[in-house]
Amino acid sequence: MEVFIYGTLKHGFPLFDKGLVGARYVGDVETVEPYPLYIAGSFYGPIMLDRPGEGRRVRGELFNIDEDRLRVLDELEDVDHKTSFRSTVEVTPVGEGYRRLRSDT
């Protein structure tokens, strides 16, 4: 499965080594629709709100991962808690040479 990464799990950011080392990097992408993106809390973590059509297109990285790694990412991101969840967004490549892709966040 493909997963869109836009914050602290990206290459060079604090959670990358805990969740994505060894995962297959597909490429740099951005959302087709704009979304609001905020920097929140004392940890300065980015939060993308599920409000398509508002804000700006969000750039990130696309990875191909398996179910086991998805569970690790969900734990790192506190998915299934009140403030964090997965959703489906449409992304498009940044630059040339990539195909149009759909991904879970």
PDB file of N, CA and C in Angstrom:
ATOM      1  N   MET A   1       0.839  -1.176   0.000  1.00  0.00           N
ATOM      2  CA  MET A   1       0.000   0.000   0.000  1.00  0.00           C
ATOM      3  C   MET A   1       0.889   1.246   0.000  1.00  0.00           C
ATOM      4  N   GLU A   2       0.325   2.339  -0.475  1.00  0.00           N
ATOM      5  CA  GLU A   2       1.073   3.588  -0.519  1.00  0.00           C
ATOM      6  C   GLU A   2       0.581   4.510   0.579  1.00  0.00           C
ATOM      7  N   VAL A   3       1.519   5.238   1.168  1.00  0.00           N
ATOM      8  CA  VAL A   3       1.184   6.152   2.247  1.00  0.00           C
ATOM      9  C   VAL A   3       1.860   7.503   1.987  1.00  0.00           C
ATOM     10  N   PHE A   4       1.070   8.559   2.160  1.00  0.00           N
ATOM     11  CA  PHE A   4       1.534   9.938   1.997  1.00  0.00           C
ATOM     12  C   PHE A   4       2.045  10.438   3.337  1.00  0.00           C
ATOM     13  N   ILE A   5       3.281  10.901   3.359  1.00  0.00           N
ATOM     14  CA  ILE A   5       3.940  11.389   4.573  1.00  0.00           C
ATOM     15  C   ILE A   5       4.215  12.874   4.392  1.00  0.00           C
ATOM     16  N   TYR A   6       3.737  13.703   5.310  1.00  0.00           N
ATOM     17  CA  TYR A   6       3.894  15.156   5.138  1.00  0.00           C
ATOM     18  C   TYR A   6       4.551  15.843   6.326  1.00  0.00           C
ATOM     19  N   GLY A   7       4.914  15.130   7.364  1.00  0.00           N
ATOM     20  CA  GLY A   7       5.431  15.794   8.567  1.00  0.00           C
ATOM     21  C   GLY A   7       6.660  15.125   9.133  1.00  0.00           C
ATOM     22  N   THR A   8       6.604  14.807  10.414  1.00  0.00           N
ATOM     23  CA  THR A   8       7.781  14.348  11.158  1.00  0.00           C
ATOM     24  C   THR A   8       8.256  12.959  10.759  1.00  0.00           C
ATOM     25  N   LEU A   9       7.546  12.283   9.863  1.00  0.00           N
ATOM     26  CA  LEU A   9       7.995  10.981   9.355  1.00  0.00           C
ATOM     27  C   LEU A   9       8.795  11.107   8.056  1.00  0.00           C
ATOM     28  N   LYS A  10       8.906  12.311   7.474  1.00  0.00           N
ATOM     29  CA  LYS A  10       9.652  12.487   6.239  1.00  0.00           C
ATOM     30  C   LYS A  10      11.147  12.275   6.460  1.00  0.00           C
ATOM     31  N   HIS A  11      11.867  12.023   5.352  1.00  0.00           N
ATOM     32  CA  HIS A  11      13.332  11.909   5.403  1.00  0.00           C
ATOM     33  C   HIS A  11      13.914  13.106   6.168  1.00  0.00           C
ATOM     34  N   GLY A  12      14.834  12.829   7.081  1.00  0.00           N
ATOM     35  CA  GLY A  12      15.521  13.889   7.812  1.00  0.00           C
ATOM     36  C   GLY A  12      14.770  14.445   9.006  1.00  0.00           C
ATOM     37  N   PHE A  13      13.560  13.962   9.259  1.00  0.00           N
ATOM     38  CA  PHE A  13      12.768  14.449  10.388  1.00  0.00           C
ATOM     39  C   PHE A  13      12.781  13.420  11.519  1.00  0.00           C
ATOM     40  N   PRO A  14      12.390  13.807  12.732  1.00  0.00           N
ATOM     41  CA  PRO A  14      12.599  12.986  13.932  1.00  0.00           C
ATOM     42  C   PRO A  14      12.035  11.566  13.913  1.00  0.00           C
ATOM     43  N   LEU A  15      10.897  11.329  13.274  1.00  0.00           N
ATOM     44  CA  LEU A  15      10.295  10.000  13.347  1.00  0.00           C
ATOM     45  C   LEU A  15      10.631   9.086  12.166  1.00  0.00           C
ATOM     46  N   PHE A  16      11.359   9.601  11.177  1.00  0.00           N
ATOM     47  CA  PHE A  16      11.686   8.781  10.013  1.00  0.00           C
ATOM     48  C   PHE A  16      12.417   7.494  10.413  1.00  0.00           C
ATOM     49  N   ASP A  17      13.447   7.614  11.241  1.00  0.00           N
ATOM     50  CA  ASP A  17      14.227   6.441  11.650  1.00  0.00           C
ATOM     51  C   ASP A  17      13.408   5.439  12.454  1.00  0.00           C
ATOM     52  N   LYS A  18      12.347   5.889  13.088  1.00  0.00           N
ATOM     53  CA  LYS A  18      11.514   4.991  13.896  1.00  0.00           C
ATOM     54  C   LYS A  18      10.421   4.308  13.079  1.00  0.00           C
ATOM     55  N   GLY A  19      10.126   4.820  11.875  1.00  0.00           N
ATOM     56  CA  GLY A  19       9.002   4.268  11.150  1.00  0.00           C
ATOM     57  C   GLY A  19       9.212   3.919   9.693  1.00  0.00           C
ATOM     58  N   LEU A  20      10.171   4.575   9.020  1.00  0.00           N
ATOM     59  CA  LEU A  20      10.248   4.372   7.575  1.00  0.00           C
ATOM     60  C   LEU A  20      11.601   3.911   7.047  1.00  0.00           C
ATOM     61  N   VAL A  21      12.589   3.723   7.896  1.00  0.00           N
ATOM     62  CA  VAL A  21      13.872   3.215   7.418  1.00  0.00           C
ATOM     63  C   VAL A  21      13.627   1.868   6.738  1.00  0.00           C
ATOM     64  N   GLY A  22      14.093   1.717   5.516  1.00  0.00           N
ATOM     65  CA  GLY A  22      13.918   0.476   4.779  1.00  0.00           C
ATOM     66  C   GLY A  22      12.661   0.411   3.936  1.00  0.00           C
ATOM     67  N   ALA A  23      11.740   1.346   4.111  1.00  0.00           N
ATOM     68  CA  ALA A  23      10.530   1.365   3.285  1.00  0.00           C
ATOM     69  C   ALA A  23      10.881   1.861   1.884  1.00  0.00           C
ATOM     70  N   ARG A  24      10.125   1.434   0.895  1.00  0.00           N
ATOM     71  CA  ARG A  24      10.394   1.860  -0.486  1.00  0.00           C
ATOM     72  C   ARG A  24       9.835   3.259  -0.720  1.00  0.00           C
ATOM     73  N   TYR A  25      10.746   4.184  -0.965  1.00  0.00           N
ATOM     74  CA  TYR A  25      10.396   5.570  -1.270  1.00  0.00           C
ATOM     75  C   TYR A  25       9.958   5.629  -2.725  1.00  0.00           C
ATOM     76  N   VAL A  26       8.763   6.181  -2.975  1.00  0.00           N
ATOM     77  CA  VAL A  26       8.235   6.287  -4.332  1.00  0.00           C
ATOM     78  C   VAL A  26       8.615   7.628  -4.951  1.00  0.00           C
ATOM     79  N   GLY A  27       8.488   8.716  -4.178  1.00  0.00           N
ATOM     80  CA  GLY A  27       8.840  10.024  -4.713  1.00  0.00           C
ATOM     81  C   GLY A  27       8.186  11.157  -3.950  1.00  0.00           C
ATOM     82  N   ASP A  28       8.550  12.366  -4.344  1.00  0.00           N
ATOM     83  CA  ASP A  28       7.961  13.564  -3.764  1.00  0.00           C
ATOM     84  C   ASP A  28       6.628  13.840  -4.455  1.00  0.00           C
ATOM     85  N   VAL A  29       5.627  14.154  -3.651  1.00  0.00           N
ATOM     86  CA  VAL A  29       4.274  14.381  -4.163  1.00  0.00           C
ATOM     87  C   VAL A  29       3.664  15.582  -3.448  1.00  0.00           C
ATOM     88  N   GLU A  30       2.505  16.003  -3.941  1.00  0.00           N
ATOM     89  CA  GLU A  30       1.714  17.012  -3.244  1.00  0.00           C
ATOM     90  C   GLU A  30       0.246  16.687  -3.443  1.00  0.00           C
ATOM     91  N   THR A  31      -0.574  17.160  -2.523  1.00  0.00           N
ATOM     92  CA  THR A  31      -2.002  16.899  -2.624  1.00  0.00           C
ATOM     93  C   THR A  31      -2.573  17.603  -3.850  1.00  0.00           C
ATOM     94  N   VAL A  32      -3.561  16.975  -4.477  1.00  0.00           N
ATOM     95  CA  VAL A  32      -4.237  17.583  -5.619  1.00  0.00           C
ATOM     96  C   VAL A  32      -5.089  18.746  -5.134  1.00  0.00           C
ATOM     97  N   GLU A  33      -5.807  18.520  -4.047  1.00  0.00           N
ATOM     98  CA  GLU A  33      -6.626  19.563  -3.431  1.00  0.00           C
ATOM     99  C   GLU A  33      -5.806  20.290  -2.370  1.00  0.00           C
ATOM    100  N   PRO A  34      -6.110  21.559  -2.108  1.00  0.00           N
ATOM    101  CA  PRO A  34      -5.484  22.230  -0.965  1.00  0.00           C
ATOM    102  C   PRO A  34      -6.080  21.724   0.346  1.00  0.00           C
ATOM    103  N   TYR A  35      -5.276  21.759   1.398  1.00  0.00           N
ATOM    104  CA  TYR A  35      -5.701  21.397   2.761  1.00  0.00           C
ATOM    105  C   TYR A  35      -5.061  22.385   3.737  1.00  0.00           C
ATOM    106  N   PRO A  36      -5.733  22.695   4.846  1.00  0.00           N
ATOM    107  CA  PRO A  36      -5.108  23.518   5.880  1.00  0.00           C
ATOM    108  C   PRO A  36      -4.015  22.695   6.585  1.00  0.00           C
ATOM    109  N   LEU A  37      -2.868  23.302   6.797  1.00  0.00           N
ATOM    110  CA  LEU A  37      -1.761  22.659   7.506  1.00  0.00           C
ATOM    111  C   LEU A  37      -1.299  23.616   8.597  1.00  0.00           C
ATOM    112  N   TYR A  38      -1.270  23.122   9.829  1.00  0.00           N
ATOM    113  CA  TYR A  38      -0.887  23.940  10.980  1.00  0.00           C
ATOM    114  C   TYR A  38       0.281  23.296  11.705  1.00  0.00           C
ATOM    115  N   ILE A  39       1.070  24.118  12.356  1.00  0.00           N
ATOM    116  CA  ILE A  39       2.118  23.638  13.253  1.00  0.00           C
ATOM    117  C   ILE A  39       1.545  23.783  14.652  1.00  0.00           C
ATOM    118  N   ALA A  40       1.474  22.649  15.374  1.00  0.00           N
ATOM    119  CA  ALA A  40       0.713  22.644  16.622  1.00  0.00           C
ATOM    120  C   ALA A  40       1.527  22.175  17.813  1.00  0.00           C
ATOM    121  N   GLY A  41       1.134  22.643  18.961  1.00  0.00           N
ATOM    122  CA  GLY A  41       1.638  22.153  20.239  1.00  0.00           C
ATOM    123  C   GLY A  41       3.090  22.493  20.513  1.00  0.00           C
ATOM    124  N   SER A  42       3.532  22.104  21.685  1.00  0.00           N
ATOM    125  CA  SER A  42       4.915  22.366  22.093  1.00  0.00           C
ATOM    126  C   SER A  42       5.903  21.510  21.309  1.00  0.00           C
ATOM    127  N   PHE A  43       5.412  20.462  20.634  1.00  0.00           N
ATOM    128  CA  PHE A  43       6.279  19.593  19.836  1.00  0.00           C
ATOM    129  C   PHE A  43       6.434  20.107  18.404  1.00  0.00           C
ATOM    130  N   TYR A  44       5.713  21.171  18.063  1.00  0.00           N
ATOM    131  CA  TYR A  44       5.760  21.810  16.746  1.00  0.00           C
ATOM    132  C   TYR A  44       5.499  20.814  15.618  1.00  0.00           C
ATOM    133  N   GLY A  45       4.540  19.934  15.813  1.00  0.00           N
ATOM    134  CA  GLY A  45       4.203  18.936  14.801  1.00  0.00           C
ATOM    135  C   GLY A  45       3.190  19.459  13.811  1.00  0.00           C
ATOM    136  N   PRO A  46       3.374  19.138  12.538  1.00  0.00           N
ATOM    137  CA  PRO A  46       2.405  19.567  11.535  1.00  0.00           C
ATOM    138  C   PRO A  46       1.117  18.751  11.631  1.00  0.00           C
ATOM    139  N   ILE A  47       0.006  19.426  11.454  1.00  0.00           N
ATOM    140  CA  ILE A  47      -1.304  18.789  11.474  1.00  0.00           C
ATOM    141  C   ILE A  47      -2.050  19.241  10.221  1.00  0.00           C
ATOM    142  N   MET A  48      -2.445  18.276   9.392  1.00  0.00           N
ATOM    143  CA  MET A  48      -3.223  18.575   8.197  1.00  0.00           C
ATOM    144  C   MET A  48      -4.686  18.298   8.513  1.00  0.00           C
ATOM    145  N   LEU A  49      -5.521  19.315   8.391  1.00  0.00           N
ATOM    146  CA  LEU A  49      -6.937  19.162   8.690  1.00  0.00           C
ATOM    147  C   LEU A  49      -7.674  18.542   7.506  1.00  0.00           C
ATOM    148  N   ASP A  50      -8.691  17.741   7.779  1.00  0.00           N
ATOM    149  CA  ASP A  50      -9.470  17.081   6.747  1.00  0.00           C
ATOM    150  C   ASP A  50     -10.529  18.045   6.211  1.00  0.00           C
ATOM    151  N   ARG A  51     -10.053  19.075   5.542  1.00  0.00           N
ATOM    152  CA  ARG A  51     -10.915  20.103   4.953  1.00  0.00           C
ATOM    153  C   ARG A  51     -10.459  20.375   3.519  1.00  0.00           C
ATOM    154  N   PRO A  52     -10.666  19.413   2.603  1.00  0.00           N
ATOM    155  CA  PRO A  52     -10.224  19.635   1.223  1.00  0.00           C
ATOM    156  C   PRO A  52     -10.850  20.892   0.640  1.00  0.00           C
ATOM    157  N   GLY A  53     -10.038  21.587  -0.141  1.00  0.00           N
ATOM    158  CA  GLY A  53     -10.509  22.821  -0.764  1.00  0.00           C
ATOM    159  C   GLY A  53     -10.110  24.068  -0.006  1.00  0.00           C
ATOM    160  N   GLU A  54      -9.604  23.916   1.225  1.00  0.00           N
ATOM    161  CA  GLU A  54      -9.136  25.058   2.026  1.00  0.00           C
ATOM    162  C   GLU A  54      -7.614  25.001   2.119  1.00  0.00           C
ATOM    163  N   GLY A  55      -6.989  26.138   2.335  1.00  0.00           N
ATOM    164  CA  GLY A  55      -5.549  26.166   2.557  1.00  0.00           C
ATOM    165  C   GLY A  55      -4.742  26.097   1.279  1.00  0.00           C
ATOM    166  N   ARG A  56      -3.666  25.278   1.296  1.00  0.00           N
ATOM    167  CA  ARG A  56      -2.756  25.140   0.163  1.00  0.00           C
ATOM    168  C   ARG A  56      -2.483  23.670  -0.106  1.00  0.00           C
ATOM    169  N   ARG A  57      -1.960  23.393  -1.282  1.00  0.00           N
ATOM    170  CA  ARG A  57      -1.558  22.023  -1.582  1.00  0.00           C
ATOM    171  C   ARG A  57      -0.402  21.651  -0.648  1.00  0.00           C
ATOM    172  N   VAL A  58      -0.440  20.461  -0.113  1.00  0.00           N
ATOM    173  CA  VAL A  58       0.548  20.024   0.874  1.00  0.00           C
ATOM    174  C   VAL A  58       1.558  19.101   0.192  1.00  0.00           C
ATOM    175  N   ARG A  59       2.838  19.439   0.338  1.00  0.00           N
ATOM    176  CA  ARG A  59       3.908  18.609  -0.218  1.00  0.00           C
ATOM    177  C   ARG A  59       4.347  17.565   0.793  1.00  0.00           C
ATOM    178  N   GLY A  60       4.725  16.425   0.277  1.00  0.00           N
ATOM    179  CA  GLY A  60       5.210  15.361   1.137  1.00  0.00           C
ATOM    180  C   GLY A  60       5.924  14.295   0.337  1.00  0.00           C
ATOM    181  N   GLU A  61       6.050  13.117   0.940  1.00  0.00           N
ATOM    182  CA  GLU A  61       6.742  11.994   0.331  1.00  0.00           C
ATOM    183  C   GLU A  61       5.795  10.801   0.274  1.00  0.00           C
ATOM    184  N   LEU A  62       5.918  10.010  -0.767  1.00  0.00           N
ATOM    185  CA  LEU A  62       5.096   8.821  -0.928  1.00  0.00           C
ATOM    186  C   LEU A  62       5.972   7.584  -0.723  1.00  0.00           C
ATOM    187  N   PHE A  63       5.492   6.669   0.117  1.00  0.00           N
ATOM    188  CA  PHE A  63       6.199   5.421   0.401  1.00  0.00           C
ATOM    189  C   PHE A  63       5.277   4.250   0.136  1.00  0.00           C
ATOM    190  N   ASN A  64       5.850   3.129  -0.264  1.00  0.00           N
ATOM    191  CA  ASN A  64       5.128   1.874  -0.385  1.00  0.00           C
ATOM    192  C   ASN A  64       5.478   1.056   0.848  1.00  0.00           C
ATOM    193  N   ILE A  65       4.472   0.661   1.626  1.00  0.00           N
ATOM    194  CA  ILE A  65       4.707  -0.045   2.887  1.00  0.00           C
ATOM    195  C   ILE A  65       3.784  -1.252   3.007  1.00  0.00           C
ATOM    196  N   ASP A  66       4.089  -2.125   3.972  1.00  0.00           N
ATOM    197  CA  ASP A  66       3.230  -3.272   4.245  1.00  0.00           C
ATOM    198  C   ASP A  66       2.398  -3.005   5.501  1.00  0.00           C
ATOM    199  N   GLU A  67       1.495  -3.933   5.814  1.00  0.00           N
ATOM    200  CA  GLU A  67       0.583  -3.781   6.963  1.00  0.00           C
ATOM    201  C   GLU A  67       1.334  -3.658   8.295  1.00  0.00           C
ATOM    202  N   ASP A  68       2.416  -4.408   8.457  1.00  0.00           N
ATOM    203  CA  ASP A  68       3.179  -4.340   9.707  1.00  0.00           C
ATOM    204  C   ASP A  68       3.744  -2.939   9.924  1.00  0.00           C
ATOM    205  N   ARG A  69       4.289  -2.366   8.869  1.00  0.00           N
ATOM    206  CA  ARG A  69       4.844  -1.012   8.993  1.00  0.00           C
ATOM    207  C   ARG A  69       3.732   0.005   9.225  1.00  0.00           C
ATOM    208  N   LEU A  70       2.578  -0.201   8.614  1.00  0.00           N
ATOM    209  CA  LEU A  70       1.450   0.707   8.832  1.00  0.00           C
ATOM    210  C   LEU A  70       1.068   0.726  10.305  1.00  0.00           C
ATOM    211  N   ARG A  71       1.071  -0.423  10.950  1.00  0.00           N
ATOM    212  CA  ARG A  71       0.767  -0.471  12.392  1.00  0.00           C
ATOM    213  C   ARG A  71       1.792   0.330  13.200  1.00  0.00           C
ATOM    214  N   VAL A  72       3.070   0.251  12.813  1.00  0.00           N
ATOM    215  CA  VAL A  72       4.115   1.030  13.487  1.00  0.00           C
ATOM    216  C   VAL A  72       3.849   2.523  13.303  1.00  0.00           C
ATOM    217  N   LEU A  73       3.535   2.923  12.073  1.00  0.00           N
ATOM    218  CA  LEU A  73       3.254   4.340  11.809  1.00  0.00           C
ATOM    219  C   LEU A  73       2.032   4.819  12.577  1.00  0.00           C
ATOM    220  N   ASP A  74       0.996   3.985  12.628  1.00  0.00           N
ATOM    221  CA  ASP A  74      -0.206   4.351  13.387  1.00  0.00           C
ATOM    222  C   ASP A  74       0.120   4.565  14.858  1.00  0.00           C
ATOM    223  N   GLU A  75       0.984   3.732  15.399  1.00  0.00           N
ATOM    224  CA  GLU A  75       1.377   3.900  16.799  1.00  0.00           C
ATOM    225  C   GLU A  75       2.177   5.182  17.002  1.00  0.00           C
ATOM    226  N   LEU A  76       3.113   5.457  16.105  1.00  0.00           N
ATOM    227  CA  LEU A  76       3.910   6.688  16.209  1.00  0.00           C
ATOM    228  C   LEU A  76       3.032   7.932  16.114  1.00  0.00           C
ATOM    229  N   GLU A  77       1.996   7.860  15.307  1.00  0.00           N
ATOM    230  CA  GLU A  77       1.121   9.016  15.059  1.00  0.00           C
ATOM    231  C   GLU A  77      -0.139   9.020  15.927  1.00  0.00           C
ATOM    232  N   ASP A  78      -0.255   8.070  16.852  1.00  0.00           N
ATOM    233  CA  ASP A  78      -1.438   7.974  17.731  1.00  0.00           C
ATOM    234  C   ASP A  78      -2.743   7.871  16.949  1.00  0.00           C
ATOM    235  N   VAL A  79      -2.724   7.138  15.844  1.00  0.00           N
ATOM    236  CA  VAL A  79      -3.935   6.940  15.053  1.00  0.00           C
ATOM    237  C   VAL A  79      -4.931   6.123  15.859  1.00  0.00           C
ATOM    238  N   ASP A  80      -6.192   6.418  15.678  1.00  0.00           N
ATOM    239  CA  ASP A  80      -7.318   5.828  16.388  1.00  0.00           C
ATOM    240  C   ASP A  80      -7.552   6.490  17.733  1.00  0.00           C
ATOM    241  N   HIS A  81      -6.870   7.569  18.002  1.00  0.00           N
ATOM    242  CA  HIS A  81      -7.155   8.371  19.182  1.00  0.00           C
ATOM    243  C   HIS A  81      -7.995   9.559  18.726  1.00  0.00           C
ATOM    244  N   LYS A  82      -8.406  10.371  19.596  1.00  0.00           N
ATOM    245  CA  LYS A  82      -9.331  11.456  19.273  1.00  0.00           C
ATOM    246  C   LYS A  82      -8.772  12.503  18.326  1.00  0.00           C
ATOM    247  N   THR A  83      -7.453  12.683  18.292  1.00  0.00           N
ATOM    248  CA  THR A  83      -6.893  13.780  17.506  1.00  0.00           C
ATOM    249  C   THR A  83      -6.173  13.357  16.243  1.00  0.00           C
ATOM    250  N   SER A  84      -6.077  12.066  15.955  1.00  0.00           N
ATOM    251  CA  SER A  84      -5.316  11.632  14.787  1.00  0.00           C
ATOM    252  C   SER A  84      -6.014  10.455  14.114  1.00  0.00           C
ATOM    253  N   PHE A  85      -6.094  10.495  12.786  1.00  0.00           N
ATOM    254  CA  PHE A  85      -6.741   9.432  12.040  1.00  0.00           C
ATOM    255  C   PHE A  85      -6.158   9.386  10.638  1.00  0.00           C
ATOM    256  N   ARG A  86      -6.413   8.296   9.946  1.00  0.00           N
ATOM    257  CA  ARG A  86      -6.007   8.149   8.557  1.00  0.00           C
ATOM    258  C   ARG A  86      -7.172   8.520   7.662  1.00  0.00           C
ATOM    259  N   SER A  87      -6.861   9.084   6.508  1.00  0.00           N
ATOM    260  CA  SER A  87      -7.885   9.328   5.496  1.00  0.00           C
ATOM    261  C   SER A  87      -7.237   9.177   4.125  1.00  0.00           C
ATOM    262  N   THR A  88      -8.050   9.167   3.103  1.00  0.00           N
ATOM    263  CA  THR A  88      -7.543   9.030   1.738  1.00  0.00           C
ATOM    264  C   THR A  88      -7.492  10.401   1.088  1.00  0.00           C
ATOM    265  N   VAL A  89      -6.357  10.698   0.490  1.00  0.00           N
ATOM    266  CA  VAL A  89      -6.184  11.945  -0.253  1.00  0.00           C
ATOM    267  C   VAL A  89      -5.588  11.602  -1.611  1.00  0.00           C
ATOM    268  N   GLU A  90      -5.886  12.422  -2.583  1.00  0.00           N
ATOM    269  CA  GLU A  90      -5.292  12.233  -3.900  1.00  0.00           C
ATOM    270  C   GLU A  90      -4.031  13.082  -3.972  1.00  0.00           C
ATOM    271  N   VAL A  91      -2.948  12.470  -4.450  1.00  0.00           N
ATOM    272  CA  VAL A  91      -1.680  13.175  -4.582  1.00  0.00           C
ATOM    273  C   VAL A  91      -1.195  13.097  -6.017  1.00  0.00           C
ATOM    274  N   THR A  92      -0.333  14.023  -6.359  1.00  0.00           N
ATOM    275  CA  THR A  92       0.256  14.066  -7.689  1.00  0.00           C
ATOM    276  C   THR A  92       1.760  14.294  -7.529  1.00  0.00           C
ATOM    277  N   PRO A  93       2.556  13.778  -8.447  1.00  0.00           N
ATOM    278  CA  PRO A  93       4.008  13.922  -8.341  1.00  0.00           C
ATOM    279  C   PRO A  93       4.469  15.373  -8.405  1.00  0.00           C
ATOM    280  N   VAL A  94       5.555  15.640  -7.723  1.00  0.00           N
ATOM    281  CA  VAL A  94       6.237  16.926  -7.825  1.00  0.00           C
ATOM    282  C   VAL A  94       7.397  16.695  -8.788  1.00  0.00           C
ATOM    283  N   GLY A  95       7.467  17.472  -9.837  1.00  0.00           N
ATOM    284  CA  GLY A  95       8.513  17.262 -10.834  1.00  0.00           C
ATOM    285  C   GLY A  95       8.062  16.277 -11.892  1.00  0.00           C
ATOM    286  N   GLU A  96       9.008  15.825 -12.690  1.00  0.00           N
ATOM    287  CA  GLU A  96       8.688  14.951 -13.816  1.00  0.00           C
ATOM    288  C   GLU A  96       8.973  13.492 -13.499  1.00  0.00           C
ATOM    289  N   GLY A  97       8.373  12.601 -14.260  1.00  0.00           N
ATOM    290  CA  GLY A  97       8.712  11.202 -14.191  1.00  0.00           C
ATOM    291  C   GLY A  97       7.907  10.356 -13.230  1.00  0.00           C
ATOM    292  N   TYR A  98       6.902  10.899 -12.557  1.00  0.00           N
ATOM    293  CA  TYR A  98       6.076  10.103 -11.660  1.00  0.00           C
ATOM    294  C   TYR A  98       4.656  10.062 -12.194  1.00  0.00           C
ATOM    295  N   ARG A  99       3.958   8.958 -11.905  1.00  0.00           N
ATOM    296  CA  ARG A  99       2.575   8.835 -12.329  1.00  0.00           C
ATOM    297  C   ARG A  99       1.656   9.410 -11.261  1.00  0.00           C
ATOM    298  N   ARG A 100       0.439   9.708 -11.620  1.00  0.00           N
ATOM    299  CA  ARG A 100      -0.562  10.199 -10.667  1.00  0.00           C
ATOM    300  C   ARG A 100      -0.942   9.051  -9.725  1.00  0.00           C
ATOM    301  N   LEU A 101      -0.958   9.292  -8.433  1.00  0.00           N
ATOM    302  CA  LEU A 101      -1.174   8.251  -7.435  1.00  0.00           C
ATOM    303  C   LEU A 101      -2.204   8.662  -6.413  1.00  0.00           C
ATOM    304  N   ARG A 102      -2.859   7.670  -5.796  1.00  0.00           N
ATOM    305  CA  ARG A 102      -3.725   7.902  -4.643  1.00  0.00           C
ATOM    306  C   ARG A 102      -3.033   7.307  -3.444  1.00  0.00           C
ATOM    307  N   SER A 103      -3.238   7.915  -2.270  1.00  0.00           N
ATOM    308  CA  SER A 103      -2.528   7.430  -1.086  1.00  0.00           C
ATOM    309  C   SER A 103      -3.323   7.675   0.176  1.00  0.00           C
ATOM    310  N   ASP A 104      -3.077   6.848   1.212  1.00  0.00           N
ATOM    311  CA  ASP A 104      -3.583   7.098   2.550  1.00  0.00           C
ATOM    312  C   ASP A 104      -2.599   7.996   3.276  1.00  0.00           C
ATOM    313  N   THR A 105      -3.092   8.866   4.146  1.00  0.00           N
ATOM    314  CA  THR A 105      -2.214   9.703   4.955  1.00  0.00           C
ATOM    315  C   THR A 105      -1.875   8.999   6.235  1.00  0.00           C
TER     316      THR A 105
END
